[in-house]
Amino acid sequence: ANTALIVDFPDRSGDPDAFQYFRTKGYQVKSNGLYEYVEVPLSEQMKFYDSLPDYPAPKLMALDAQTGEMKWIEVIPNGYSNSFLSPEGQRLTPDRRYLIMSNSSSSAFMFFDVHEQKVAGAIIPALKEGASRLTTKQWGFSSDGKQLAILMKTPGSSSTSQSYFQMYDLVTGKLAHEVLLPGDINEKGGLRELNGTGVWLVSSRYLLDVQSGAIIGEFGVKESGLKFILESNRLDQSSAMYVSRHEIFLIGGGHISRKQFLQRWPLLTDEVLQTVNNYRNDTSALIKKGSEVAIRVDFQDPEVPADEGALQVIKEVLQEKARKAGLVPVEEAEFTLALYYGSEITKPVYEKNKEVVIRSPGELFDKPSYSMKNSNPNAILGFEDSSGKLVWGEAVELPKMLMQTRVGEFKSEEEQKNELNFDSEPPPSSSGKKREATPEVKARSMRSRLTTELNMIRMPFYIPENGTGVSLPVLMFYDQSN
């Protein structure tokens, strides 16, 4: 109880964060916390080691927290992080038995037994097929201290790199769970379990249910200063974040305020956790992964008649959105994923289903505030049952210029691929003349832009029966404290 672990560095000038938490000054160790300031005098032996400028490697020392007397000293093996603050740094296991050190180059995790003063073992994540290495981005312990969670990333660009959530059993060292995460996952923000729920807050944004492997919720704060702190790896510098079973707390200052503040946001309620449990147990539902859905586009714009090519593109985009949610698009089904566009149809649809149709939270969160001031929803995306009643719906504003695109008749990408003739001569260039876009080019452009617009809608993959519980994913977007 009277022993504290700290890390010293051979080259202090090379790492500005070296003494961010523990600083040596005047042969004393000073711990700077939010509400406390502690000084421990260093022993003569400690002064001796502290005075060696060319010590060959970082050294790990155990000091008596009351007297400052050094209990023991060990050299940290090469390659392992020597920072308590960095996301890939060192942490004690909750039982205070092992100090875990990560190796950024090999993604290995070394377990140093602080009782025996020796390396007790290591966890080395296996490489993925086709990947030359794995990089550790975040890691943390489960609330019961029995498991180690890691966010790993393969090399590559933002479009080719893949992110994995891995969980290891700290008793056996074996991989217990692995989940492939969305491609836009933030590398910062930490990994935190909502106490005892099996749900993890990943990168201060996604709520991952480890058992099912599903993203069951999304959390976000629109206010830029708070968003910066939440998505930062440097919470220990001027702020700290804590996650309980139902809430997230942020203690901070510095970045957005000279004064300390405490911010609180609700996360998962008991009702949501019950819905998550039902989803894990594959309880019957109106919509769930694997459900068949029909696709329909109801286009009634009084200004522009529907273009058959554009309608086909919209239908293809909806089919792909359904597949990504784990649903199966078919010609006929009990439920239909329908997109209503234009005031002629959206107004009566809303009046008939106003108890379930809301303004898209994703749109309000994704779009800048200034663009939302004069916006008006002109489309509704929803799941319609066989009676024509919506069981879920979101209203969103889609750009008129996009929806009024005149595509015309076009060949599918598969048809274009089959018609390629590599022996033919390229068409002659017409310098100075503007080439008109082909229907295929128009279709490709509309498909890309419409996909981006509809990504604002986090379409549910689980809708409970008879209105019991809430749909998943649950969205918790806040404009600061609102």
Protein backbone atom coordinates (compact mmCIF):
# COMPACT_ATOMS: atom_id res chain seq x y z
CA ALA A 1 0.00 0.00 0.00
CA ASN A 2 2.99 2.31 0.57
CA THR A 3 4.65 1.55 -2.77
CA ALA A 4 4.11 3.66 -5.89
CA LEU A 5 5.23 2.82 -9.42
CA ILE A 6 6.71 5.57 -11.58
CA VAL A 7 8.72 5.71 -14.80
CA ASP A 8 11.83 7.81 -15.38
CA PHE A 9 13.38 8.56 -18.78
CA PRO A 10 17.03 8.70 -19.87
CA ASP A 11 16.32 11.60 -22.25
CA ARG A 12 13.76 13.97 -20.78
CA SER A 13 14.09 16.56 -23.53
CA GLY A 14 12.93 14.11 -26.18
CA ASP A 15 9.48 13.49 -24.70
CA PRO A 16 7.47 16.48 -23.42
CA ASP A 17 5.02 14.11 -21.73
CA ALA A 18 7.75 12.25 -19.84
CA PHE A 19 6.88 13.94 -16.56
CA GLN A 20 3.34 14.99 -17.32
CA TYR A 21 2.07 12.98 -14.37
CA PHE A 22 5.16 12.52 -12.18
CA ARG A 23 7.74 15.32 -12.32
CA THR A 24 11.14 15.46 -10.63
CA LYS A 25 12.23 18.81 -9.32
CA GLY A 26 14.55 19.55 -6.46
CA TYR A 27 14.95 15.82 -5.80
CA GLN A 28 11.26 15.45 -5.12
CA VAL A 29 8.50 13.59 -6.92
CA LYS A 30 5.42 15.72 -7.50
CA SER A 31 2.11 14.23 -8.57
CA ASN A 32 -0.17 16.75 -10.25
CA GLY A 33 -3.84 15.73 -10.18
CA LEU A 34 -7.01 17.73 -10.61
CA TYR A 35 -7.61 18.17 -6.91
CA GLU A 36 -4.43 17.05 -5.17
CA TYR A 37 -0.75 17.89 -5.00
CA VAL A 38 1.60 15.38 -3.44
CA GLU A 39 5.36 15.60 -2.79
CA VAL A 40 7.58 12.65 -1.93
CA PRO A 41 11.28 13.20 -1.07
CA LEU A 42 13.71 11.03 -3.04
CA SER A 43 16.25 8.83 -1.28
CA GLU A 44 20.01 9.24 -1.78
CA GLN A 45 20.03 6.08 -3.91
CA MET A 46 17.32 7.57 -6.13
CA LYS A 47 19.33 10.77 -6.49
CA PHE A 48 22.28 8.72 -7.67
CA TYR A 49 20.34 7.03 -10.47
CA ASP A 50 18.61 10.29 -11.34
CA SER A 51 22.00 11.93 -11.90
CA LEU A 52 23.13 9.44 -14.57
CA PRO A 53 22.53 11.17 -17.94
CA ASP A 54 23.59 8.18 -20.06
CA TYR A 55 21.58 5.43 -18.37
CA PRO A 56 21.23 2.85 -21.16
CA ALA A 57 17.42 2.37 -21.06
CA PRO A 58 14.30 3.62 -19.28
CA LYS A 59 14.16 2.33 -15.75
CA LEU A 60 11.20 1.19 -13.72
CA MET A 61 11.42 2.05 -10.03
CA ALA A 62 9.29 1.24 -7.02
CA LEU A 63 9.32 3.89 -4.29
CA ASP A 64 7.85 3.94 -0.84
CA ALA A 65 5.04 6.46 -1.18
CA GLN A 66 5.61 7.85 2.32
CA THR A 67 9.39 7.99 2.67
CA GLY A 68 10.51 8.06 -0.98
CA GLU A 69 12.89 5.16 -0.32
CA MET A 70 13.54 3.13 -3.45
CA LYS A 71 12.39 -0.49 -3.08
CA TRP A 72 13.79 -1.82 -6.35
CA ILE A 73 14.77 -0.81 -9.88
CA GLU A 74 14.46 -2.69 -13.17
CA VAL A 75 15.29 -1.81 -16.76
CA ILE A 76 12.36 -1.75 -19.21
CA PRO A 77 13.01 -4.00 -22.25
CA ASN A 78 13.65 -2.19 -25.52
CA GLY A 79 10.63 -1.38 -27.65
CA TYR A 80 8.09 -1.18 -24.86
CA SER A 81 6.36 2.11 -24.19
CA ASN A 82 7.61 4.02 -21.18
CA SER A 83 4.78 6.50 -20.84
CA PHE A 84 1.85 6.27 -18.46
CA LEU A 85 -0.07 8.84 -20.47
CA SER A 86 0.12 7.73 -24.08
CA PRO A 87 -2.70 5.49 -25.38
CA GLU A 88 -0.23 2.66 -25.94
CA GLY A 89 1.49 3.24 -22.59
CA GLN A 90 1.65 1.37 -19.28
CA ARG A 91 -1.09 0.50 -16.82
CA LEU A 92 -1.46 -1.58 -13.71
CA THR A 93 -3.99 -4.37 -13.75
CA PRO A 94 -6.95 -3.63 -11.45
CA ASP A 95 -5.60 -6.07 -8.85
CA ARG A 96 -2.30 -4.10 -8.83
CA ARG A 97 -0.33 -7.29 -9.46
CA TYR A 98 0.95 -6.69 -13.00
CA LEU A 99 2.20 -3.69 -14.89
CA ILE A 100 1.24 -4.10 -18.55
CA MET A 101 3.52 -2.52 -21.13
CA SER A 102 2.65 -2.35 -24.82
CA ASN A 103 5.12 -2.59 -27.69
CA SER A 104 4.10 -0.26 -30.50
CA SER A 105 6.21 -2.02 -33.13
CA SER A 106 5.11 -5.62 -32.49
CA SER A 107 1.72 -5.00 -30.78
CA ALA A 108 2.86 -7.29 -27.95
CA PHE A 109 1.72 -6.73 -24.37
CA MET A 110 4.27 -7.63 -21.70
CA PHE A 111 3.13 -8.48 -18.14
CA PHE A 112 5.59 -7.39 -15.47
CA ASP A 113 4.97 -8.94 -12.06
CA VAL A 114 5.52 -6.10 -9.56
CA HIS A 115 5.60 -8.56 -6.63
CA GLU A 116 8.29 -10.78 -8.14
CA GLN A 117 9.99 -8.01 -10.18
CA LYS A 118 10.13 -10.08 -13.36
CA VAL A 119 8.37 -10.55 -16.69
CA ALA A 120 5.54 -13.03 -16.14
CA GLY A 121 4.31 -13.42 -19.72
CA ALA A 122 3.01 -11.66 -22.82
CA ILE A 123 0.02 -11.42 -25.15
CA ILE A 124 0.94 -11.18 -28.84
CA PRO A 125 -2.06 -10.62 -31.18
CA ALA A 126 -1.87 -12.69 -34.37
CA LEU A 127 -1.38 -10.93 -37.70
CA LYS A 128 -4.30 -10.66 -40.08
CA GLU A 129 -4.15 -12.28 -43.50
CA GLY A 130 -2.53 -9.91 -45.97
CA ALA A 131 -1.44 -7.46 -43.26
CA SER A 132 2.26 -6.92 -42.56
CA ARG A 133 1.62 -5.76 -38.99
CA LEU A 134 -0.96 -4.68 -36.44
CA THR A 135 -0.83 -1.37 -34.58
CA THR A 136 -2.26 -0.87 -31.10
CA LYS A 137 -4.42 2.26 -31.01
CA GLN A 138 -6.29 1.93 -27.70
CA TRP A 139 -6.60 -0.54 -24.86
CA GLY A 140 -8.21 -0.92 -21.46
CA PHE A 141 -9.56 -3.31 -18.84
CA SER A 142 -13.06 -4.63 -18.34
CA SER A 143 -14.91 -3.29 -15.30
CA ASP A 144 -14.30 -6.55 -13.40
CA GLY A 145 -10.59 -6.47 -14.26
CA LYS A 146 -10.64 -9.95 -15.81
CA GLN A 147 -10.26 -9.02 -19.48
CA LEU A 148 -8.02 -6.85 -21.63
CA ALA A 149 -9.62 -5.00 -24.56
CA ILE A 150 -7.52 -3.76 -27.49
CA LEU A 151 -8.29 -1.67 -30.57
CA MET A 152 -5.96 -2.87 -33.34
CA LYS A 153 -5.53 -1.45 -36.83
CA THR A 154 -3.97 -2.86 -40.00
CA PRO A 155 -1.76 -0.60 -42.17
CA GLY A 156 -3.19 1.20 -45.17
CA SER A 157 -5.21 4.23 -46.18
CA SER A 158 -8.49 5.25 -44.57
CA SER A 159 -10.35 3.19 -47.18
CA THR A 160 -8.20 0.03 -46.99
CA SER A 161 -7.17 -0.14 -43.32
CA GLN A 162 -9.28 -2.30 -41.00
CA SER A 163 -9.93 -1.87 -37.27
CA TYR A 164 -10.47 -4.76 -34.85
CA PHE A 165 -11.75 -4.86 -31.28
CA GLN A 166 -10.10 -7.76 -29.49
CA MET A 167 -10.70 -9.00 -25.96
CA TYR A 168 -8.31 -11.33 -24.11
CA ASP A 169 -8.89 -13.34 -20.95
CA LEU A 170 -6.27 -12.20 -18.41
CA VAL A 171 -6.21 -15.63 -16.72
CA THR A 172 -5.56 -17.74 -19.81
CA GLY A 173 -4.16 -15.06 -22.13
CA LYS A 174 -6.44 -16.38 -24.90
CA LEU A 175 -8.51 -14.36 -27.35
CA ALA A 176 -12.12 -14.37 -26.13
CA HIS A 177 -13.83 -12.02 -28.63
CA GLU A 178 -12.98 -10.24 -31.87
CA VAL A 179 -15.15 -7.72 -33.76
CA LEU A 180 -14.45 -5.96 -37.08
CA LEU A 181 -15.32 -2.29 -36.51
CA PRO A 182 -16.66 0.37 -38.93
CA GLY A 183 -14.07 1.83 -41.27
CA ASP A 184 -14.47 5.40 -39.94
CA ILE A 185 -13.54 4.47 -36.36
CA ASN A 186 -11.55 7.15 -34.54
CA GLU A 187 -8.13 6.00 -33.32
CA LYS A 188 -8.45 8.11 -30.17
CA GLY A 189 -10.92 8.45 -27.32
CA GLY A 190 -10.24 5.29 -25.34
CA LEU A 191 -11.97 1.98 -24.60
CA ARG A 192 -14.33 1.89 -21.60
CA GLU A 193 -16.86 -0.70 -20.50
CA LEU A 194 -20.19 0.46 -19.13
CA ASN A 195 -19.89 -1.20 -15.74
CA GLY A 196 -20.96 -4.82 -15.83
CA THR A 197 -22.99 -4.54 -19.06
CA GLY A 198 -20.66 -6.11 -21.64
CA VAL A 199 -21.16 -2.93 -23.70
CA TRP A 200 -18.04 -0.88 -24.51
CA LEU A 201 -17.75 2.79 -25.42
CA VAL A 202 -15.23 2.78 -28.28
CA SER A 203 -13.44 6.00 -29.27
CA SER A 204 -15.96 7.99 -27.20
CA ARG A 205 -18.51 7.35 -29.99
CA TYR A 206 -19.65 3.79 -30.70
CA LEU A 207 -21.37 1.51 -28.18
CA LEU A 208 -20.22 -2.02 -28.96
CA ASP A 209 -21.96 -5.08 -27.56
CA VAL A 210 -19.11 -7.58 -27.42
CA GLN A 211 -21.31 -10.69 -27.11
CA SER A 212 -23.27 -10.04 -30.32
CA GLY A 213 -20.53 -8.07 -32.07
CA ALA A 214 -23.05 -5.33 -32.97
CA ILE A 215 -22.78 -1.55 -32.69
CA ILE A 216 -25.92 -1.10 -30.58
CA GLY A 217 -25.61 2.65 -30.10
CA GLU A 218 -23.84 5.84 -31.04
CA PHE A 219 -22.94 8.74 -28.77
CA GLY A 220 -21.83 12.20 -29.77
CA VAL A 221 -21.54 15.80 -28.59
CA LYS A 222 -21.80 18.52 -31.20
CA GLU A 223 -20.16 21.34 -29.22
CA SER A 224 -16.65 21.52 -30.70
CA GLY A 225 -14.69 22.07 -27.48
CA LEU A 226 -16.29 19.14 -25.65
CA LYS A 227 -16.07 16.99 -28.78
CA PHE A 228 -12.32 17.67 -28.98
CA ILE A 229 -11.77 16.54 -25.39
CA LEU A 230 -13.94 13.43 -25.74
CA GLU A 231 -12.13 12.29 -28.89
CA SER A 232 -8.65 13.02 -27.55
CA ASN A 233 -6.16 10.55 -26.18
CA ARG A 234 -4.75 13.21 -23.86
CA LEU A 235 -7.55 13.29 -21.32
CA ASP A 236 -5.05 13.17 -18.44
CA GLN A 237 -3.52 16.57 -19.24
CA SER A 238 -6.41 18.82 -18.24
CA SER A 239 -9.48 16.62 -18.16
CA ALA A 240 -10.71 13.14 -17.31
CA MET A 241 -13.61 10.97 -18.45
CA TYR A 242 -15.47 8.34 -16.45
CA VAL A 243 -18.11 5.90 -17.66
CA SER A 244 -20.63 4.28 -15.31
CA ARG A 245 -23.36 1.78 -16.09
CA HIS A 246 -25.76 4.45 -17.37
CA GLU A 247 -23.82 7.69 -17.78
CA ILE A 248 -20.65 9.38 -19.00
CA PHE A 249 -18.93 12.09 -16.97
CA LEU A 250 -16.34 14.58 -18.23
CA ILE A 251 -14.23 16.62 -15.84
CA GLY A 252 -12.24 19.26 -17.65
CA GLY A 253 -10.99 22.77 -18.20
CA GLY A 254 -8.00 24.06 -20.11
CA HIS A 255 -9.15 23.44 -23.67
CA ILE A 256 -12.47 25.28 -23.57
CA SER A 257 -12.61 26.97 -20.17
CA ARG A 258 -10.22 28.34 -17.60
CA LYS A 259 -12.42 26.93 -14.88
CA GLN A 260 -12.93 23.31 -13.99
CA PHE A 261 -16.28 21.86 -15.02
CA LEU A 262 -18.25 18.66 -14.64
CA GLN A 263 -20.37 17.57 -17.61
CA ARG A 264 -22.77 14.61 -17.49
CA TRP A 265 -24.60 12.82 -20.32
CA PRO A 266 -27.03 9.89 -20.00
CA LEU A 267 -26.06 6.77 -21.95
CA LEU A 268 -27.92 3.45 -21.78
CA THR A 269 -31.08 3.18 -19.70
CA ASP A 270 -32.30 -0.08 -18.20
CA GLU A 271 -34.87 -0.23 -21.01
CA VAL A 272 -32.12 -0.08 -23.65
CA LEU A 273 -30.06 -2.72 -21.82
CA GLN A 274 -33.11 -5.00 -21.76
CA THR A 275 -33.50 -4.51 -25.52
CA VAL A 276 -29.80 -5.35 -25.98
CA ASN A 277 -30.31 -8.52 -23.95
CA ASN A 278 -33.31 -9.46 -26.10
CA TYR A 279 -31.23 -8.90 -29.22
CA ARG A 280 -28.45 -11.13 -27.86
CA ASN A 281 -30.96 -13.90 -27.21
CA ASP A 282 -32.46 -13.55 -30.70
CA THR A 283 -35.88 -12.68 -29.30
CA SER A 284 -38.56 -12.34 -31.99
CA ALA A 285 -38.84 -8.83 -33.41
CA LEU A 286 -40.48 -6.90 -36.23
CA ILE A 287 -37.10 -6.26 -37.84
CA LYS A 288 -33.81 -7.96 -37.01
CA LYS A 289 -30.66 -8.99 -38.84
CA GLY A 290 -31.50 -11.57 -41.46
CA SER A 291 -35.04 -10.22 -41.97
CA GLU A 292 -36.27 -9.95 -45.57
CA VAL A 293 -37.43 -6.50 -46.68
CA ALA A 294 -38.88 -5.21 -49.92
CA ILE A 295 -37.62 -1.91 -51.38
CA ARG A 296 -39.84 0.88 -52.70
CA VAL A 297 -39.30 4.46 -53.84
CA ASP A 298 -42.34 6.78 -53.75
CA PHE A 299 -41.25 9.86 -55.72
CA GLN A 300 -43.85 12.65 -55.94
CA ASP A 301 -42.09 15.93 -56.68
CA PRO A 302 -44.53 18.51 -58.11
CA GLU A 303 -41.67 20.33 -59.86
CA VAL A 304 -39.95 17.43 -61.60
CA PRO A 305 -41.44 14.13 -62.81
CA ALA A 306 -39.66 10.97 -61.76
CA ASP A 307 -36.79 9.87 -63.97
CA GLU A 308 -36.67 6.09 -64.41
CA GLY A 309 -32.87 6.03 -64.30
CA ALA A 310 -32.77 8.10 -61.10
CA LEU A 311 -35.41 5.89 -59.47
CA GLN A 312 -33.33 2.82 -60.27
CA VAL A 313 -30.23 4.42 -58.70
CA ILE A 314 -32.21 5.34 -55.55
CA LYS A 315 -33.51 1.78 -55.28
CA GLU A 316 -29.98 0.35 -55.62
CA VAL A 317 -28.70 2.67 -52.88
CA LEU A 318 -31.52 1.55 -50.55
CA GLN A 319 -30.78 -2.10 -51.30
CA GLU A 320 -27.14 -1.62 -50.34
CA LYS A 321 -28.12 0.28 -47.17
CA ALA A 322 -30.38 -2.62 -46.17
CA ARG A 323 -27.57 -5.15 -46.76
CA LYS A 324 -25.17 -3.16 -44.58
CA ALA A 325 -27.76 -3.29 -41.78
CA GLY A 326 -27.81 -7.08 -42.06
CA LEU A 327 -31.17 -7.21 -43.86
CA VAL A 328 -32.02 -9.14 -47.04
CA PRO A 329 -33.58 -7.12 -49.92
CA VAL A 330 -36.25 -9.12 -51.82
CA GLU A 331 -39.10 -8.35 -54.23
CA GLU A 332 -41.89 -8.99 -51.73
CA ALA A 333 -41.86 -9.16 -47.91
CA GLU A 334 -43.95 -8.40 -44.85
CA PHE A 335 -42.02 -5.16 -44.30
CA THR A 336 -40.89 -2.64 -46.92
CA LEU A 337 -38.03 -0.17 -46.68
CA ALA A 338 -39.63 2.84 -48.34
CA LEU A 339 -38.25 6.23 -49.30
CA TYR A 340 -40.89 8.92 -49.76
CA TYR A 341 -39.70 12.04 -51.57
CA GLY A 342 -41.54 15.30 -52.28
CA SER A 343 -44.14 17.31 -50.37
CA GLU A 344 -47.02 15.62 -52.21
CA ILE A 345 -46.28 12.36 -50.39
CA THR A 346 -44.22 13.23 -47.29
CA LYS A 347 -46.90 15.41 -45.68
CA PRO A 348 -49.66 12.78 -45.68
CA VAL A 349 -47.16 10.08 -44.65
CA TYR A 350 -46.06 12.20 -41.68
CA GLU A 351 -49.63 13.02 -40.61
CA LYS A 352 -50.50 9.33 -40.67
CA ASN A 353 -47.38 8.23 -38.76
CA LYS A 354 -46.35 11.26 -36.67
CA GLU A 355 -46.02 9.11 -33.51
CA VAL A 356 -43.08 7.20 -35.02
CA VAL A 357 -41.53 9.65 -37.53
CA ILE A 358 -38.88 11.98 -36.10
CA ARG A 359 -36.36 14.41 -37.57
CA SER A 360 -33.20 12.45 -38.22
CA PRO A 361 -30.87 12.71 -35.20
CA GLY A 362 -27.98 11.73 -37.45
CA GLU A 363 -28.68 14.65 -39.79
CA LEU A 364 -28.84 17.11 -36.89
CA PHE A 365 -25.55 15.75 -35.56
CA ASP A 366 -23.63 15.38 -38.85
CA LYS A 367 -24.51 18.66 -40.52
CA PRO A 368 -23.06 21.98 -39.32
CA SER A 369 -25.46 24.11 -37.29
CA TYR A 370 -25.58 26.95 -39.82
CA SER A 371 -26.80 24.62 -42.58
CA MET A 372 -29.63 23.33 -40.37
CA LYS A 373 -31.14 26.75 -39.53
CA ASN A 374 -33.21 27.07 -42.71
CA SER A 375 -33.44 23.40 -43.64
CA ASN A 376 -36.74 21.66 -44.25
CA PRO A 377 -37.18 17.89 -44.47
CA ASN A 378 -38.43 16.78 -47.87
CA ALA A 379 -38.01 13.01 -47.54
CA ILE A 380 -38.94 10.22 -45.14
CA LEU A 381 -37.18 6.87 -44.90
CA GLY A 382 -39.10 4.23 -43.00
CA PHE A 383 -40.11 0.62 -42.52
CA GLU A 384 -43.70 0.06 -43.64
CA ASP A 385 -45.79 -2.96 -42.61
CA SER A 386 -48.29 -4.78 -44.82
CA SER A 387 -51.07 -2.37 -43.82
CA GLY A 388 -49.10 0.66 -44.99
CA LYS A 389 -48.32 1.82 -41.45
CA LEU A 390 -44.76 2.84 -40.51
CA VAL A 391 -43.09 1.10 -37.56
CA TRP A 392 -40.09 3.43 -37.80
CA GLY A 393 -39.31 6.54 -39.80
CA GLU A 394 -36.92 9.48 -40.02
CA ALA A 395 -37.46 12.74 -41.86
CA VAL A 396 -34.45 14.23 -43.62
CA GLU A 397 -33.62 16.95 -46.13
CA LEU A 398 -32.15 15.61 -49.39
CA PRO A 399 -30.64 18.09 -51.89
CA LYS A 400 -33.17 18.91 -54.62
CA MET A 401 -30.47 19.14 -57.27
CA LEU A 402 -29.44 15.59 -56.44
CA MET A 403 -32.91 14.10 -56.34
CA GLN A 404 -33.90 15.82 -59.59
CA THR A 405 -30.98 14.34 -61.52
CA ARG A 406 -31.94 13.21 -65.03
CA VAL A 407 -30.02 9.95 -65.37
CA GLY A 408 -31.81 8.27 -68.24
CA GLU A 409 -31.32 4.66 -69.25
CA PHE A 410 -27.94 3.32 -68.16
CA LYS A 411 -26.06 0.04 -68.12
CA SER A 412 -25.14 -1.52 -64.79
CA GLU A 413 -21.49 -1.68 -63.75
CA GLU A 414 -21.50 -5.42 -64.39
CA GLU A 415 -22.86 -4.87 -67.92
CA GLN A 416 -20.23 -2.21 -68.57
CA LYS A 417 -17.50 -4.55 -67.40
CA ASN A 418 -18.69 -7.34 -69.69
CA GLU A 419 -18.75 -4.99 -72.71
CA LEU A 420 -15.17 -3.72 -72.36
CA ASN A 421 -13.15 -4.27 -75.55
CA PHE A 422 -9.45 -3.87 -74.88
CA ASP A 423 -8.58 -4.20 -78.60
CA SER A 424 -10.57 -1.19 -79.71
CA GLU A 425 -8.99 2.21 -80.31
CA PRO A 426 -9.75 4.99 -77.81
CA PRO A 427 -12.23 7.61 -79.02
CA PRO A 428 -10.66 10.71 -80.58
CA SER A 429 -10.27 13.67 -78.24
CA SER A 430 -12.35 16.74 -78.90
CA SER A 431 -10.28 19.59 -77.54
CA GLY A 432 -12.22 22.67 -76.63
CA LYS A 433 -15.53 20.84 -76.64
CA LYS A 434 -17.31 19.96 -73.41
CA ARG A 435 -18.15 16.26 -73.33
CA GLU A 436 -21.62 15.42 -72.07
CA ALA A 437 -21.72 12.97 -69.17
CA THR A 438 -23.01 9.57 -70.13
CA PRO A 439 -25.97 8.01 -68.26
CA GLU A 440 -23.48 5.62 -66.61
CA VAL A 441 -21.39 8.54 -65.28
CA LYS A 442 -24.51 10.32 -64.03
CA ALA A 443 -25.70 7.15 -62.30
CA ARG A 444 -22.34 6.60 -60.62
CA SER A 445 -22.19 10.22 -59.39
CA MET A 446 -25.77 10.15 -58.07
CA ARG A 447 -25.20 6.80 -56.36
CA SER A 448 -22.13 8.12 -54.54
CA ARG A 449 -23.73 11.38 -53.40
CA LEU A 450 -27.02 9.79 -52.34
CA THR A 451 -25.17 7.12 -50.33
CA THR A 452 -23.36 9.89 -48.45
CA GLU A 453 -26.62 11.74 -47.76
CA LEU A 454 -28.45 8.64 -46.52
CA ASN A 455 -25.53 7.68 -44.28
CA MET A 456 -26.85 10.41 -41.97
CA ILE A 457 -29.73 8.06 -41.19
CA ARG A 458 -28.60 5.27 -38.83
CA MET A 459 -31.19 2.78 -39.99
CA PRO A 460 -32.25 0.32 -37.25
CA PHE A 461 -31.29 -3.33 -37.53
CA TYR A 462 -33.53 -4.35 -34.60
CA ILE A 463 -37.10 -3.17 -33.97
CA PRO A 464 -38.87 -4.94 -31.05
CA GLU A 465 -42.39 -6.26 -31.39
CA ASN A 466 -45.47 -4.23 -30.38
CA GLY A 467 -43.47 -1.13 -29.46
CA THR A 468 -41.75 -2.82 -26.51
CA GLY A 469 -38.26 -1.46 -25.86
CA VAL A 470 -36.33 0.76 -28.26
CA SER A 471 -34.89 0.27 -31.72
CA LEU A 472 -31.19 -0.51 -32.17
CA PRO A 473 -28.91 1.27 -32.70
CA VAL A 474 -29.97 3.80 -30.08
CA LEU A 475 -28.74 7.30 -30.90
CA MET A 476 -27.58 9.71 -28.18
CA PHE A 477 -26.50 12.97 -29.81
CA TYR A 478 -26.14 16.03 -27.61
CA ASP A 479 -25.65 19.71 -28.38
CA GLN A 480 -23.46 20.29 -25.30
CA SER A 481 -25.75 19.44 -22.35
CA ASN A 482 -29.07 19.29 -24.23
